[in-house]
Structures are given as C-alpha cells and as structure tokens.
Amino acid sequence: MDQEFLDKMKDKLLEQRRTLLQSLSEQSEDMRNLVKTVDSGDEADVAADVIDRQLLTSLGTQDANRLKQIDNAIDRINQNKYGRCVLCGQEIPKERLEVLPYALMCISCASAEERRNR
C-alpha cells in the first residue's frame, strides 16, 4: 500500500475513533440520567427505563467493539501490516478499506467466515 493511502486511512480511522468516543461519552451521560429516574417512577416508567438502559448498553457494547477494531487497524498501520487479510494474507482491495477501514479480511475470507458463523 502506498503511503498516501495509508495516511488517508489513518486519518479516517482517527476521525471515526473521535466520533465513537464522543458517542460513548454521551451514552454514559444518558445512562446516568436513566439511572436517576428509575427510583422515582411507577412500574411502567421503570419498565421503560429498563428497556432504554438495555438499548443504551447494547449500543455502547457495539461502539466499544468498533472502537477496538479501529484501534487494531491503527496499530496495523503503525506496524506496516495494514491492508492484508489476517486469514489468507492477500491484500484487501482499497475499495473495501475505504468503505470499512478497519476490515481484517478480504471479501472471500469474510464471506466464508460469515457462512461458518450462521
């Protein structure tokens, strides 16, 4: 991979990282506000708060996982391993990396992995 493309992907990853960190921070604030309201409501309010809390936790988990993937991609760039499929070692097409800059696998390996996990 050429250095210009790597720099572009690193900038893109860092921007996604900043956005996710801000989202996680805002979700934490929302979570604190939900916890405050649980003690003061009737059963319907409590049930709605529990659902809201579970949704926020789920979204937070997804964001946290994506953050790990982004950090790993940045590490791969720094180690000159970025853009190689972790399973077959083939180069991941630039078009795929532009869409999913933290992709670990080429399309063939990702499709095969998806079929195995069904």
Protein backbone atom coordinates (compact mmCIF):
# COMPACT_ATOMS: atom_id res chain seq x y z
CA MET A 1 0.00 0.00 0.00
CA ASP A 2 1.25 3.44 -0.83
CA GLN A 3 1.91 5.93 1.99
CA GLU A 4 -0.67 8.43 0.76
CA PHE A 5 -3.45 5.82 1.00
CA LEU A 6 -2.24 4.70 4.44
CA ASP A 7 -2.24 8.30 5.69
CA LYS A 8 -5.75 8.79 4.33
CA MET A 9 -7.00 5.62 6.05
CA LYS A 10 -5.30 6.56 9.32
CA ASP A 11 -6.99 9.98 9.25
CA LYS A 12 -10.32 8.31 8.52
CA LEU A 13 -9.83 5.83 11.37
CA LEU A 14 -8.84 8.58 13.80
CA GLU A 15 -11.95 10.58 12.87
CA GLN A 16 -14.17 7.52 13.40
CA ARG A 17 -12.43 6.96 16.73
CA ARG A 18 -13.15 10.54 17.86
CA THR A 19 -16.80 10.20 16.82
CA LEU A 20 -17.20 6.90 18.70
CA LEU A 21 -15.56 8.24 21.83
CA GLN A 22 -17.91 11.19 21.80
CA SER A 23 -20.89 8.87 21.27
CA LEU A 24 -19.81 6.63 24.17
CA SER A 25 -19.39 9.70 26.36
CA GLU A 26 -22.89 10.94 25.51
CA GLN A 27 -24.35 7.47 26.10
CA SER A 28 -22.76 7.40 29.53
CA GLU A 29 -24.46 10.69 30.35
CA ASP A 30 -27.78 9.29 29.08
CA MET A 31 -27.23 6.18 31.20
CA ARG A 32 -26.64 8.26 34.33
CA ASN A 33 -29.86 10.18 33.67
CA LEU A 34 -31.82 6.94 33.21
CA VAL A 35 -30.50 5.52 36.46
CA LYS A 36 -31.63 8.65 38.31
CA THR A 37 -35.20 8.27 37.03
CA VAL A 38 -35.61 4.57 37.94
CA ASP A 39 -36.11 5.27 41.63
CA SER A 40 -38.80 7.87 41.10
CA GLY A 41 -41.34 6.24 38.74
CA ASP A 42 -44.24 3.82 38.66
CA GLU A 43 -43.90 0.29 37.22
CA ALA A 44 -44.49 1.40 33.62
CA ASP A 45 -41.82 4.08 33.94
CA VAL A 46 -39.39 1.59 35.47
CA ALA A 47 -40.05 -0.95 32.70
CA ALA A 48 -39.49 1.71 30.02
CA ASP A 49 -36.28 2.82 31.74
CA VAL A 50 -35.01 -0.78 31.86
CA ILE A 51 -35.61 -1.14 28.13
CA ASP A 52 -33.90 2.19 27.45
CA ARG A 53 -30.96 1.17 29.62
CA GLN A 54 -30.61 -2.18 27.84
CA LEU A 55 -30.69 -0.46 24.47
CA LEU A 56 -28.02 2.04 25.52
CA THR A 57 -25.86 -0.76 26.92
CA SER A 58 -26.20 -2.72 23.69
CA LEU A 59 -25.31 0.32 21.60
CA GLY A 60 -22.40 1.04 23.91
CA THR A 61 -21.13 -2.52 23.50
CA GLN A 62 -21.31 -2.26 19.71
CA ASP A 63 -19.49 1.07 19.79
CA ALA A 64 -16.87 -0.32 22.17
CA ASN A 65 -16.27 -3.29 19.84
CA ARG A 66 -15.96 -0.98 16.83
CA LEU A 67 -13.53 1.18 18.80
CA LYS A 68 -11.36 -1.89 19.41
CA GLN A 69 -11.44 -2.70 15.70
CA ILE A 70 -10.43 0.86 14.84
CA ASP A 71 -7.58 0.83 17.36
CA ASN A 72 -6.37 -2.50 15.97
CA ALA A 73 -6.43 -1.10 12.42
CA ILE A 74 -4.38 1.92 13.53
CA ASP A 75 -1.90 -0.47 15.17
CA ARG A 76 -1.69 -2.48 11.93
CA ILE A 77 -0.91 0.73 10.02
CA ASN A 78 1.86 1.56 12.50
CA GLN A 79 3.26 -1.99 12.17
CA ASN A 80 3.09 -1.94 8.35
CA LYS A 81 0.57 -4.81 8.39
CA TYR A 82 -2.49 -2.82 7.32
CA GLY A 83 -4.44 -3.94 4.29
CA ARG A 84 -3.54 -7.63 4.48
CA CYS A 85 -6.15 -10.28 5.20
CA VAL A 86 -5.45 -11.89 8.57
CA LEU A 87 -6.58 -15.29 7.26
CA CYS A 88 -5.11 -15.68 3.77
CA GLY A 89 -2.53 -12.86 3.75
CA GLN A 90 -3.78 -11.43 0.46
CA GLU A 91 -4.07 -7.68 0.02
CA ILE A 92 -7.51 -6.31 0.88
CA PRO A 93 -8.80 -4.17 -2.02
CA LYS A 94 -8.56 -0.44 -1.40
CA GLU A 95 -12.25 -0.06 -2.25
CA ARG A 96 -13.15 -2.36 0.65
CA LEU A 97 -10.86 -0.49 3.03
CA GLU A 98 -12.35 2.84 2.01
CA VAL A 99 -15.80 1.54 2.95
CA LEU A 100 -14.67 -0.42 6.01
CA PRO A 101 -11.26 0.94 7.03
CA TYR A 102 -10.94 -1.50 9.94
CA ALA A 103 -11.57 -4.61 7.79
CA LEU A 104 -9.48 -7.56 8.89
CA MET A 105 -10.27 -9.86 6.00
CA CYS A 106 -10.62 -9.82 2.25
CA ILE A 107 -14.12 -10.28 0.88
CA SER A 108 -13.64 -14.01 0.20
CA CYS A 109 -12.45 -14.80 3.71
CA ALA A 110 -15.06 -12.52 5.32
CA SER A 111 -17.82 -14.26 3.34
CA ALA A 112 -16.53 -17.70 4.30
CA GLU A 113 -16.31 -16.63 7.97
CA GLU A 114 -19.86 -15.31 7.82
CA ARG A 115 -21.15 -18.61 6.40
CA ARG A 116 -19.38 -20.55 9.17
CA ASN A 117 -20.98 -18.36 11.84
CA ARG A 118 -24.54 -18.86 10.62
